[in-house]
Amino acid sequence: AALDDLDLRWALELAGWLVRLETDD
């Protein structure tokens, strides 16, 4: 929703959480 609204700073933070929930190899 933030991305669709071009609320990019907030979208960046939220999407970043999802990628950083786990560690890579």
mmCIF file of all heavy atoms, coordinates in Angstrom:
data_MODEL
# 
_entry.id   MODEL 
# 
loop_
_atom_site.group_PDB 
_atom_site.id 
_atom_site.type_symbol 
_atom_site.label_atom_id 
_atom_site.label_alt_id 
_atom_site.label_comp_id 
_atom_site.label_asym_id 
_atom_site.label_entity_id 
_atom_site.label_seq_id 
_atom_site.pdbx_PDB_ins_code 
_atom_site.Cartn_x 
_atom_site.Cartn_y 
_atom_site.Cartn_z 
_atom_site.occupancy 
_atom_site.B_iso_or_equiv 
_atom_site.pdbx_formal_charge 
_atom_site.auth_seq_id 
_atom_site.auth_comp_id 
_atom_site.auth_asym_id 
_atom_site.auth_atom_id 
_atom_site.pdbx_PDB_model_num 
ATOM 1   N N   . ALA A 1 1  ? 0.837  -1.205  0.000  1.00 0.00 ? 1  ALA A N   1 
ATOM 2   C CA  . ALA A 1 1  ? 0.000  0.000   0.000  1.00 0.00 ? 1  ALA A CA  1 
ATOM 3   C C   . ALA A 1 1  ? 0.867  1.249   0.000  1.00 0.00 ? 1  ALA A C   1 
ATOM 4   O O   . ALA A 1 1  ? 0.574  2.222   -0.714 1.00 0.00 ? 1  ALA A O   1 
ATOM 5   C CB  . ALA A 1 1  ? -0.918 -0.008  1.227  1.00 0.00 ? 1  ALA A CB  1 
ATOM 6   N N   . ALA A 1 2  ? 1.939  1.234   0.781  1.00 0.00 ? 2  ALA A N   1 
ATOM 7   C CA  . ALA A 1 2  ? 2.849  2.383   0.809  1.00 0.00 ? 2  ALA A CA  1 
ATOM 8   C C   . ALA A 1 2  ? 3.521  2.566   -0.547 1.00 0.00 ? 2  ALA A C   1 
ATOM 9   O O   . ALA A 1 2  ? 3.686  3.697   -1.020 1.00 0.00 ? 2  ALA A O   1 
ATOM 10  C CB  . ALA A 1 2  ? 3.898  2.188   1.905  1.00 0.00 ? 2  ALA A CB  1 
ATOM 11  N N   . LEU A 1 3  ? 3.883  1.456   -1.192 1.00 0.00 ? 3  LEU A N   1 
ATOM 12  C CA  . LEU A 1 3  ? 4.492  1.546   -2.522 1.00 0.00 ? 3  LEU A CA  1 
ATOM 13  C C   . LEU A 1 3  ? 3.500  2.118   -3.526 1.00 0.00 ? 3  LEU A C   1 
ATOM 14  O O   . LEU A 1 3  ? 3.849  2.996   -4.332 1.00 0.00 ? 3  LEU A O   1 
ATOM 15  C CB  . LEU A 1 3  ? 4.965  0.164   -2.953 1.00 0.00 ? 3  LEU A CB  1 
ATOM 16  C CG  . LEU A 1 3  ? 5.556  0.043   -4.364 1.00 0.00 ? 3  LEU A CG  1 
ATOM 17  C CD1 . LEU A 1 3  ? 6.740  0.974   -4.554 1.00 0.00 ? 3  LEU A CD1 1 
ATOM 18  C CD2 . LEU A 1 3  ? 5.967  -1.419  -4.642 1.00 0.00 ? 3  LEU A CD2 1 
ATOM 19  N N   . ASP A 1 4  ? 2.260  1.657   -3.483 1.00 0.00 ? 4  ASP A N   1 
ATOM 20  C CA  . ASP A 1 4  ? 1.232  2.172   -4.402 1.00 0.00 ? 4  ASP A CA  1 
ATOM 21  C C   . ASP A 1 4  ? 0.994  3.669   -4.200 1.00 0.00 ? 4  ASP A C   1 
ATOM 22  O O   . ASP A 1 4  ? 0.713  4.398   -5.161 1.00 0.00 ? 4  ASP A O   1 
ATOM 23  C CB  . ASP A 1 4  ? -0.086 1.417   -4.198 1.00 0.00 ? 4  ASP A CB  1 
ATOM 24  C CG  . ASP A 1 4  ? -0.004 -0.028  -4.678 1.00 0.00 ? 4  ASP A CG  1 
ATOM 25  O OD1 . ASP A 1 4  ? 0.924  -0.338  -5.446 1.00 0.00 ? 4  ASP A OD1 1 
ATOM 26  O OD2 . ASP A 1 4  ? -0.858 -0.834  -4.257 1.00 0.00 ? 4  ASP A OD2 1 
ATOM 27  N N   . ASP A 1 5  ? 1.122  4.121   -2.945 1.00 0.00 ? 5  ASP A N   1 
ATOM 28  C CA  . ASP A 1 5  ? 0.923  5.540   -2.629 1.00 0.00 ? 5  ASP A CA  1 
ATOM 29  C C   . ASP A 1 5  ? 2.191  6.361   -2.827 1.00 0.00 ? 5  ASP A C   1 
ATOM 30  O O   . ASP A 1 5  ? 2.191  7.574   -2.564 1.00 0.00 ? 5  ASP A O   1 
ATOM 31  C CB  . ASP A 1 5  ? 0.453  5.700   -1.176 1.00 0.00 ? 5  ASP A CB  1 
ATOM 32  C CG  . ASP A 1 5  ? -0.947 5.156   -0.953 1.00 0.00 ? 5  ASP A CG  1 
ATOM 33  O OD1 . ASP A 1 5  ? -1.690 5.012   -1.951 1.00 0.00 ? 5  ASP A OD1 1 
ATOM 34  O OD2 . ASP A 1 5  ? -1.287 4.859   0.210  1.00 0.00 ? 5  ASP A OD2 1 
ATOM 35  N N   . LEU A 1 6  ? 3.260  5.697   -3.302 1.00 0.00 ? 6  LEU A N   1 
ATOM 36  C CA  . LEU A 1 6  ? 4.578  6.326   -3.455 1.00 0.00 ? 6  LEU A CA  1 
ATOM 37  C C   . LEU A 1 6  ? 5.084  6.905   -2.133 1.00 0.00 ? 6  LEU A C   1 
ATOM 38  O O   . LEU A 1 6  ? 5.831  7.894   -2.117 1.00 0.00 ? 6  LEU A O   1 
ATOM 39  C CB  . LEU A 1 6  ? 4.546  7.411   -4.540 1.00 0.00 ? 6  LEU A CB  1 
ATOM 40  C CG  . LEU A 1 6  ? 4.219  6.901   -5.951 1.00 0.00 ? 6  LEU A CG  1 
ATOM 41  C CD1 . LEU A 1 6  ? 4.260  8.047   -6.949 1.00 0.00 ? 6  LEU A CD1 1 
ATOM 42  C CD2 . LEU A 1 6  ? 5.179  5.785   -6.372 1.00 0.00 ? 6  LEU A CD2 1 
ATOM 43  N N   . ASP A 1 7  ? 4.695  6.276   -1.038 1.00 0.00 ? 7  ASP A N   1 
ATOM 44  C CA  . ASP A 1 7  ? 5.237  6.595   0.289  1.00 0.00 ? 7  ASP A CA  1 
ATOM 45  C C   . ASP A 1 7  ? 6.503  5.748   0.437  1.00 0.00 ? 7  ASP A C   1 
ATOM 46  O O   . ASP A 1 7  ? 6.558  4.780   1.203  1.00 0.00 ? 7  ASP A O   1 
ATOM 47  C CB  . ASP A 1 7  ? 4.198  6.256   1.361  1.00 0.00 ? 7  ASP A CB  1 
ATOM 48  C CG  . ASP A 1 7  ? 4.629  6.680   2.758  1.00 0.00 ? 7  ASP A CG  1 
ATOM 49  O OD1 . ASP A 1 7  ? 5.715  7.283   2.892  1.00 0.00 ? 7  ASP A OD1 1 
ATOM 50  O OD2 . ASP A 1 7  ? 3.879  6.384   3.714  1.00 0.00 ? 7  ASP A OD2 1 
ATOM 51  N N   . LEU A 1 8  ? 7.532  6.144   -0.325 1.00 0.00 ? 8  LEU A N   1 
ATOM 52  C CA  . LEU A 1 8  ? 8.652  5.236   -0.570 1.00 0.00 ? 8  LEU A CA  1 
ATOM 53  C C   . LEU A 1 8  ? 9.553  5.030   0.638  1.00 0.00 ? 8  LEU A C   1 
ATOM 54  O O   . LEU A 1 8  ? 10.119 3.952   0.810  1.00 0.00 ? 8  LEU A O   1 
ATOM 55  C CB  . LEU A 1 8  ? 9.469  5.740   -1.763 1.00 0.00 ? 8  LEU A CB  1 
ATOM 56  C CG  . LEU A 1 8  ? 8.691  5.786   -3.086 1.00 0.00 ? 8  LEU A CG  1 
ATOM 57  C CD1 . LEU A 1 8  ? 9.569  6.290   -4.216 1.00 0.00 ? 8  LEU A CD1 1 
ATOM 58  C CD2 . LEU A 1 8  ? 8.117  4.416   -3.427 1.00 0.00 ? 8  LEU A CD2 1 
ATOM 59  N N   . ARG A 1 9  ? 9.705  6.025   1.470  1.00 0.00 ? 9  ARG A N   1 
ATOM 60  C CA  . ARG A 1 9  ? 10.539 5.832   2.665  1.00 0.00 ? 9  ARG A CA  1 
ATOM 61  C C   . ARG A 1 9  ? 9.922  4.763   3.583  1.00 0.00 ? 9  ARG A C   1 
ATOM 62  O O   . ARG A 1 9  ? 10.633 3.916   4.131  1.00 0.00 ? 9  ARG A O   1 
ATOM 63  C CB  . ARG A 1 9  ? 10.724 7.149   3.414  1.00 0.00 ? 9  ARG A CB  1 
ATOM 64  C CG  . ARG A 1 9  ? 11.586 8.161   2.668  1.00 0.00 ? 9  ARG A CG  1 
ATOM 65  C CD  . ARG A 1 9  ? 11.696 9.470   3.429  1.00 0.00 ? 9  ARG A CD  1 
ATOM 66  N NE  . ARG A 1 9  ? 12.403 10.481  2.666  1.00 0.00 ? 9  ARG A NE  1 
ATOM 67  C CZ  . ARG A 1 9  ? 13.692 10.779  2.799  1.00 0.00 ? 9  ARG A CZ  1 
ATOM 68  N NH1 . ARG A 1 9  ? 14.431 10.129  3.675  1.00 0.00 ? 9  ARG A NH1 1 
ATOM 69  N NH2 . ARG A 1 9  ? 14.252 11.721  2.068  1.00 0.00 ? 9  ARG A NH2 1 
ATOM 70  N N   . TRP A 1 10 ? 8.616  4.828   3.762  1.00 0.00 ? 10 TRP A N   1 
ATOM 71  C CA  . TRP A 1 10 ? 7.942  3.862   4.622  1.00 0.00 ? 10 TRP A CA  1 
ATOM 72  C C   . TRP A 1 10 ? 7.894  2.491   3.958  1.00 0.00 ? 10 TRP A C   1 
ATOM 73  O O   . TRP A 1 10 ? 8.112  1.464   4.599  1.00 0.00 ? 10 TRP A O   1 
ATOM 74  C CB  . TRP A 1 10 ? 6.538  4.355   4.949  1.00 0.00 ? 10 TRP A CB  1 
ATOM 75  C CG  . TRP A 1 10 ? 5.785  3.548   5.953  1.00 0.00 ? 10 TRP A CG  1 
ATOM 76  C CD1 . TRP A 1 10 ? 4.489  3.133   5.852  1.00 0.00 ? 10 TRP A CD1 1 
ATOM 77  C CD2 . TRP A 1 10 ? 6.229  3.099   7.242  1.00 0.00 ? 10 TRP A CD2 1 
ATOM 78  N NE1 . TRP A 1 10 ? 4.108  2.450   6.989  1.00 0.00 ? 10 TRP A NE1 1 
ATOM 79  C CE2 . TRP A 1 10 ? 5.163  2.407   7.859  1.00 0.00 ? 10 TRP A CE2 1 
ATOM 80  C CE3 . TRP A 1 10 ? 7.440  3.207   7.930  1.00 0.00 ? 10 TRP A CE3 1 
ATOM 81  C CZ2 . TRP A 1 10 ? 5.265  1.824   9.127  1.00 0.00 ? 10 TRP A CZ2 1 
ATOM 82  C CZ3 . TRP A 1 10 ? 7.548  2.628   9.195  1.00 0.00 ? 10 TRP A CZ3 1 
ATOM 83  C CH2 . TRP A 1 10 ? 6.471  1.947   9.780  1.00 0.00 ? 10 TRP A CH2 1 
ATOM 84  N N   . ALA A 1 11 ? 7.643  2.465   2.659  1.00 0.00 ? 11 ALA A N   1 
ATOM 85  C CA  . ALA A 1 11 ? 7.643  1.192   1.936  1.00 0.00 ? 11 ALA A CA  1 
ATOM 86  C C   . ALA A 1 11 ? 9.002  0.521   2.017  1.00 0.00 ? 11 ALA A C   1 
ATOM 87  O O   . ALA A 1 11 ? 9.103  -0.709  2.174  1.00 0.00 ? 11 ALA A O   1 
ATOM 88  C CB  . ALA A 1 11 ? 7.251  1.419   0.469  1.00 0.00 ? 11 ALA A CB  1 
ATOM 89  N N   . LEU A 1 12 ? 10.064 1.314   1.928  1.00 0.00 ? 12 LEU A N   1 
ATOM 90  C CA  . LEU A 1 12 ? 11.418 0.776   1.985  1.00 0.00 ? 12 LEU A CA  1 
ATOM 91  C C   . LEU A 1 12 ? 11.687 0.127   3.345  1.00 0.00 ? 12 LEU A C   1 
ATOM 92  O O   . LEU A 1 12 ? 12.260 -0.962  3.421  1.00 0.00 ? 12 LEU A O   1 
ATOM 93  C CB  . LEU A 1 12 ? 12.433 1.894   1.725  1.00 0.00 ? 12 LEU A CB  1 
ATOM 94  C CG  . LEU A 1 12 ? 13.905 1.507   1.646  1.00 0.00 ? 12 LEU A CG  1 
ATOM 95  C CD1 . LEU A 1 12 ? 14.152 0.552   0.493  1.00 0.00 ? 12 LEU A CD1 1 
ATOM 96  C CD2 . LEU A 1 12 ? 14.762 2.751   1.487  1.00 0.00 ? 12 LEU A CD2 1 
ATOM 97  N N   . GLU A 1 13 ? 11.253 0.787   4.408  1.00 0.00 ? 13 GLU A N   1 
ATOM 98  C CA  . GLU A 1 13 ? 11.480 0.214   5.737  1.00 0.00 ? 13 GLU A CA  1 
ATOM 99  C C   . GLU A 1 13 ? 10.681 -1.057  5.943  1.00 0.00 ? 13 GLU A C   1 
ATOM 100 O O   . GLU A 1 13 ? 11.207 -2.073  6.405  1.00 0.00 ? 13 GLU A O   1 
ATOM 101 C CB  . GLU A 1 13 ? 11.151 1.231   6.830  1.00 0.00 ? 13 GLU A CB  1 
ATOM 102 C CG  . GLU A 1 13 ? 11.406 0.693   8.232  1.00 0.00 ? 13 GLU A CG  1 
ATOM 103 C CD  . GLU A 1 13 ? 11.447 1.740   9.306  1.00 0.00 ? 13 GLU A CD  1 
ATOM 104 O OE1 . GLU A 1 13 ? 11.385 2.947   8.981  1.00 0.00 ? 13 GLU A OE1 1 
ATOM 105 O OE2 . GLU A 1 13 ? 11.547 1.361   10.491 1.00 0.00 ? 13 GLU A OE2 1 
ATOM 106 N N   . LEU A 1 14 ? 9.406  -1.028  5.591  1.00 0.00 ? 14 LEU A N   1 
ATOM 107 C CA  . LEU A 1 14 ? 8.566  -2.204  5.788  1.00 0.00 ? 14 LEU A CA  1 
ATOM 108 C C   . LEU A 1 14 ? 9.071  -3.397  4.975  1.00 0.00 ? 14 LEU A C   1 
ATOM 109 O O   . LEU A 1 14 ? 9.169  -4.514  5.486  1.00 0.00 ? 14 LEU A O   1 
ATOM 110 C CB  . LEU A 1 14 ? 7.122  -1.886  5.395  1.00 0.00 ? 14 LEU A CB  1 
ATOM 111 C CG  . LEU A 1 14 ? 6.368  -0.897  6.288  1.00 0.00 ? 14 LEU A CG  1 
ATOM 112 C CD1 . LEU A 1 14 ? 5.022  -0.557  5.672  1.00 0.00 ? 14 LEU A CD1 1 
ATOM 113 C CD2 . LEU A 1 14 ? 6.181  -1.460  7.685  1.00 0.00 ? 14 LEU A CD2 1 
ATOM 114 N N   . ALA A 1 15 ? 9.369  -3.182  3.706  1.00 0.00 ? 15 ALA A N   1 
ATOM 115 C CA  . ALA A 1 15 ? 9.851  -4.275  2.858  1.00 0.00 ? 15 ALA A CA  1 
ATOM 116 C C   . ALA A 1 15 ? 11.201 -4.783  3.342  1.00 0.00 ? 15 ALA A C   1 
ATOM 117 O O   . ALA A 1 15 ? 11.506 -5.984  3.237  1.00 0.00 ? 15 ALA A O   1 
ATOM 118 C CB  . ALA A 1 15 ? 9.949  -3.799  1.404  1.00 0.00 ? 15 ALA A CB  1 
ATOM 119 N N   . GLY A 1 16 ? 12.026 -3.882  3.888  1.00 0.00 ? 16 GLY A N   1 
ATOM 120 C CA  . GLY A 1 16 ? 13.318 -4.288  4.427  1.00 0.00 ? 16 GLY A CA  1 
ATOM 121 C C   . GLY A 1 16 ? 13.189 -5.232  5.606  1.00 0.00 ? 16 GLY A C   1 
ATOM 122 O O   . GLY A 1 16 ? 13.987 -6.165  5.767  1.00 0.00 ? 16 GLY A O   1 
ATOM 123 N N   . TRP A 1 17 ? 12.176 -5.027  6.456  1.00 0.00 ? 17 TRP A N   1 
ATOM 124 C CA  . TRP A 1 17 ? 11.965 -5.940  7.585  1.00 0.00 ? 17 TRP A CA  1 
ATOM 125 C C   . TRP A 1 17 ? 11.764 -7.368  7.096  1.00 0.00 ? 17 TRP A C   1 
ATOM 126 O O   . TRP A 1 17 ? 12.309 -8.315  7.661  1.00 0.00 ? 17 TRP A O   1 
ATOM 127 C CB  . TRP A 1 17 ? 10.728 -5.527  8.382  1.00 0.00 ? 17 TRP A CB  1 
ATOM 128 C CG  . TRP A 1 17 ? 10.802 -4.210  9.065  1.00 0.00 ? 17 TRP A CG  1 
ATOM 129 C CD1 . TRP A 1 17 ? 11.897 -3.399  9.220  1.00 0.00 ? 17 TRP A CD1 1 
ATOM 130 C CD2 . TRP A 1 17 ? 9.703  -3.525  9.685  1.00 0.00 ? 17 TRP A CD2 1 
ATOM 131 N NE1 . TRP A 1 17 ? 11.553 -2.258  9.895  1.00 0.00 ? 17 TRP A NE1 1 
ATOM 132 C CE2 . TRP A 1 17 ? 10.212 -2.310  10.203 1.00 0.00 ? 17 TRP A CE2 1 
ATOM 133 C CE3 . TRP A 1 17 ? 8.360  -3.828  9.856  1.00 0.00 ? 17 TRP A CE3 1 
ATOM 134 C CZ2 . TRP A 1 17 ? 9.402  -1.392  10.870 1.00 0.00 ? 17 TRP A CZ2 1 
ATOM 135 C CZ3 . TRP A 1 17 ? 7.553  -2.926  10.527 1.00 0.00 ? 17 TRP A CZ3 1 
ATOM 136 C CH2 . TRP A 1 17 ? 8.077  -1.715  11.022 1.00 0.00 ? 17 TRP A CH2 1 
ATOM 137 N N   . LEU A 1 18 ? 10.961 -7.520  6.056  1.00 0.00 ? 18 LEU A N   1 
ATOM 138 C CA  . LEU A 1 18 ? 10.624 -8.855  5.564  1.00 0.00 ? 18 LEU A CA  1 
ATOM 139 C C   . LEU A 1 18 ? 11.860 -9.591  5.051  1.00 0.00 ? 18 LEU A C   1 
ATOM 140 O O   . LEU A 1 18 ? 11.992 -10.803 5.249  1.00 0.00 ? 18 LEU A O   1 
ATOM 141 C CB  . LEU A 1 18 ? 9.577  -8.749  4.454  1.00 0.00 ? 18 LEU A CB  1 
ATOM 142 C CG  . LEU A 1 18 ? 8.222  -8.183  4.887  1.00 0.00 ? 18 LEU A CG  1 
ATOM 143 C CD1 . LEU A 1 18 ? 7.364  -7.865  3.672  1.00 0.00 ? 18 LEU A CD1 1 
ATOM 144 C CD2 . LEU A 1 18 ? 7.508  -9.150  5.822  1.00 0.00 ? 18 LEU A CD2 1 
ATOM 145 N N   . VAL A 1 19 ? 12.767 -8.875  4.414  1.00 0.00 ? 19 VAL A N   1 
ATOM 146 C CA  . VAL A 1 19 ? 13.979 -9.495  3.879  1.00 0.00 ? 19 VAL A CA  1 
ATOM 147 C C   . VAL A 1 19 ? 14.967 -9.812  4.996  1.00 0.00 ? 19 VAL A C   1 
ATOM 148 O O   . VAL A 1 19 ? 15.760 -10.752 4.889  1.00 0.00 ? 19 VAL A O   1 
ATOM 149 C CB  . VAL A 1 19 ? 14.612 -8.575  2.812  1.00 0.00 ? 19 VAL A CB  1 
ATOM 150 C CG1 . VAL A 1 19 ? 16.010 -9.034  2.432  1.00 0.00 ? 19 VAL A CG1 1 
ATOM 151 C CG2 . VAL A 1 19 ? 13.719 -8.535  1.576  1.00 0.00 ? 19 VAL A CG2 1 
ATOM 152 N N   . ARG A 1 20 ? 14.903 -9.060  6.089  1.00 0.00 ? 20 ARG A N   1 
ATOM 153 C CA  . ARG A 1 20 ? 15.867 -9.246  7.173  1.00 0.00 ? 20 ARG A CA  1 
ATOM 154 C C   . ARG A 1 20 ? 15.341 -10.076 8.334  1.00 0.00 ? 20 ARG A C   1 
ATOM 155 O O   . ARG A 1 20 ? 15.903 -10.077 9.421  1.00 0.00 ? 20 ARG A O   1 
ATOM 156 C CB  . ARG A 1 20 ? 16.344 -7.879  7.660  1.00 0.00 ? 20 ARG A CB  1 
ATOM 157 C CG  . ARG A 1 20 ? 17.277 -7.244  6.655  1.00 0.00 ? 20 ARG A CG  1 
ATOM 158 C CD  . ARG A 1 20 ? 17.648 -5.814  6.950  1.00 0.00 ? 20 ARG A CD  1 
ATOM 159 N NE  . ARG A 1 20 ? 18.663 -5.351  6.033  1.00 0.00 ? 20 ARG A NE  1 
ATOM 160 C CZ  . ARG A 1 20 ? 18.440 -5.014  4.754  1.00 0.00 ? 20 ARG A CZ  1 
ATOM 161 N NH1 . ARG A 1 20 ? 17.209 -5.069  4.285  1.00 0.00 ? 20 ARG A NH1 1 
ATOM 162 N NH2 . ARG A 1 20 ? 19.417 -4.635  3.971  1.00 0.00 ? 20 ARG A NH2 1 
ATOM 163 N N   . LEU A 1 21 ? 14.273 -10.812 8.099  1.00 0.00 ? 21 LEU A N   1 
ATOM 164 C CA  . LEU A 1 21 ? 13.742 -11.713 9.128  1.00 0.00 ? 21 LEU A CA  1 
ATOM 165 C C   . LEU A 1 21 ? 14.643 -12.924 9.354  1.00 0.00 ? 21 LEU A C   1 
ATOM 166 O O   . LEU A 1 21 ? 14.590 -13.551 10.412 1.00 0.00 ? 21 LEU A O   1 
ATOM 167 C CB  . LEU A 1 21 ? 12.355 -12.219 8.717  1.00 0.00 ? 21 LEU A CB  1 
ATOM 168 C CG  . LEU A 1 21 ? 11.176 -11.268 8.931  1.00 0.00 ? 21 LEU A CG  1 
ATOM 169 C CD1 . LEU A 1 21 ? 9.927  -11.827 8.274  1.00 0.00 ? 21 LEU A CD1 1 
ATOM 170 C CD2 . LEU A 1 21 ? 10.937 -11.056 10.411 1.00 0.00 ? 21 LEU A CD2 1 
ATOM 171 N N   . GLU A 1 22 ? 15.442 -13.285 8.349  1.00 0.00 ? 22 GLU A N   1 
ATOM 172 C CA  . GLU A 1 22 ? 16.319 -14.449 8.432  1.00 0.00 ? 22 GLU A CA  1 
ATOM 173 C C   . GLU A 1 22 ? 17.695 -14.078 7.883  1.00 0.00 ? 22 GLU A C   1 
ATOM 174 O O   . GLU A 1 22 ? 17.849 -13.081 7.167  1.00 0.00 ? 22 GLU A O   1 
ATOM 175 C CB  . GLU A 1 22 ? 15.752 -15.625 7.610  1.00 0.00 ? 22 GLU A CB  1 
ATOM 176 C CG  . GLU A 1 22 ? 14.325 -16.028 7.966  1.00 0.00 ? 22 GLU A CG  1 
ATOM 177 C CD  . GLU A 1 22 ? 14.219 -16.676 9.329  1.00 0.00 ? 22 GLU A CD  1 
ATOM 178 O OE1 . GLU A 1 22 ? 15.259 -17.117 9.853  1.00 0.00 ? 22 GLU A OE1 1 
ATOM 179 O OE2 . GLU A 1 22 ? 13.096 -16.747 9.863  1.00 0.00 ? 22 GLU A OE2 1 
ATOM 180 N N   . THR A 1 23 ? 18.696 -14.896 8.238  1.00 0.00 ? 23 THR A N   1 
ATOM 181 C CA  . THR A 1 23 ? 20.041 -14.680 7.711  1.00 0.00 ? 23 THR A CA  1 
ATOM 182 C C   . THR A 1 23 ? 20.268 -15.584 6.499  1.00 0.00 ? 23 THR A C   1 
ATOM 183 O O   . THR A 1 23 ? 19.644 -16.643 6.362  1.00 0.00 ? 23 THR A O   1 
ATOM 184 C CB  . THR A 1 23 ? 21.116 -14.986 8.767  1.00 0.00 ? 23 THR A CB  1 
ATOM 185 O OG1 . THR A 1 23 ? 20.958 -16.331 9.233  1.00 0.00 ? 23 THR A OG1 1 
ATOM 186 C CG2 . THR A 1 23 ? 20.999 -14.028 9.949  1.00 0.00 ? 23 THR A CG2 1 
ATOM 187 N N   . ASP A 1 24 ? 21.179 -15.151 5.630  1.00 0.00 ? 24 ASP A N   1 
ATOM 188 C CA  . ASP A 1 24 ? 21.540 -15.982 4.480  1.00 0.00 ? 24 ASP A CA  1 
ATOM 189 C C   . ASP A 1 24 ? 22.658 -16.948 4.889  1.00 0.00 ? 24 ASP A C   1 
ATOM 190 O O   . ASP A 1 24 ? 23.019 -17.041 6.065  1.00 0.00 ? 24 ASP A O   1 
ATOM 191 C CB  . ASP A 1 24 ? 21.933 -15.114 3.284  1.00 0.00 ? 24 ASP A CB  1 
ATOM 192 C CG  . ASP A 1 24 ? 23.179 -14.278 3.540  1.00 0.00 ? 24 ASP A CG  1 
ATOM 193 O OD1 . ASP A 1 24 ? 23.888 -14.511 4.549  1.00 0.00 ? 24 ASP A OD1 1 
ATOM 194 O OD2 . ASP A 1 24 ? 23.461 -13.369 2.732  1.00 0.00 ? 24 ASP A OD2 1 
ATOM 195 N N   . ASP A 1 25 ? 23.222 -17.656 3.909  1.00 0.00 ? 25 ASP A N   1 
ATOM 196 C CA  . ASP A 1 25 ? 24.218 -18.683 4.233  1.00 0.00 ? 25 ASP A CA  1 
ATOM 197 C C   . ASP A 1 25 ? 25.555 -18.106 4.683  1.00 0.00 ? 25 ASP A C   1 
ATOM 198 O O   . ASP A 1 25 ? 26.448 -18.855 5.091  1.00 0.00 ? 25 ASP A O   1 
ATOM 199 C CB  . ASP A 1 25 ? 24.427 -19.629 3.044  1.00 0.00 ? 25 ASP A CB  1 
ATOM 200 C CG  . ASP A 1 25 ? 24.839 -18.908 1.765  1.00 0.00 ? 25 ASP A CG  1 
ATOM 201 O OD1 . ASP A 1 25 ? 25.047 -17.677 1.809  1.00 0.00 ? 25 ASP A OD1 1 
ATOM 202 O OD2 . ASP A 1 25 ? 24.957 -19.569 0.717  1.00 0.00 ? 25 ASP A OD2 1 
# 
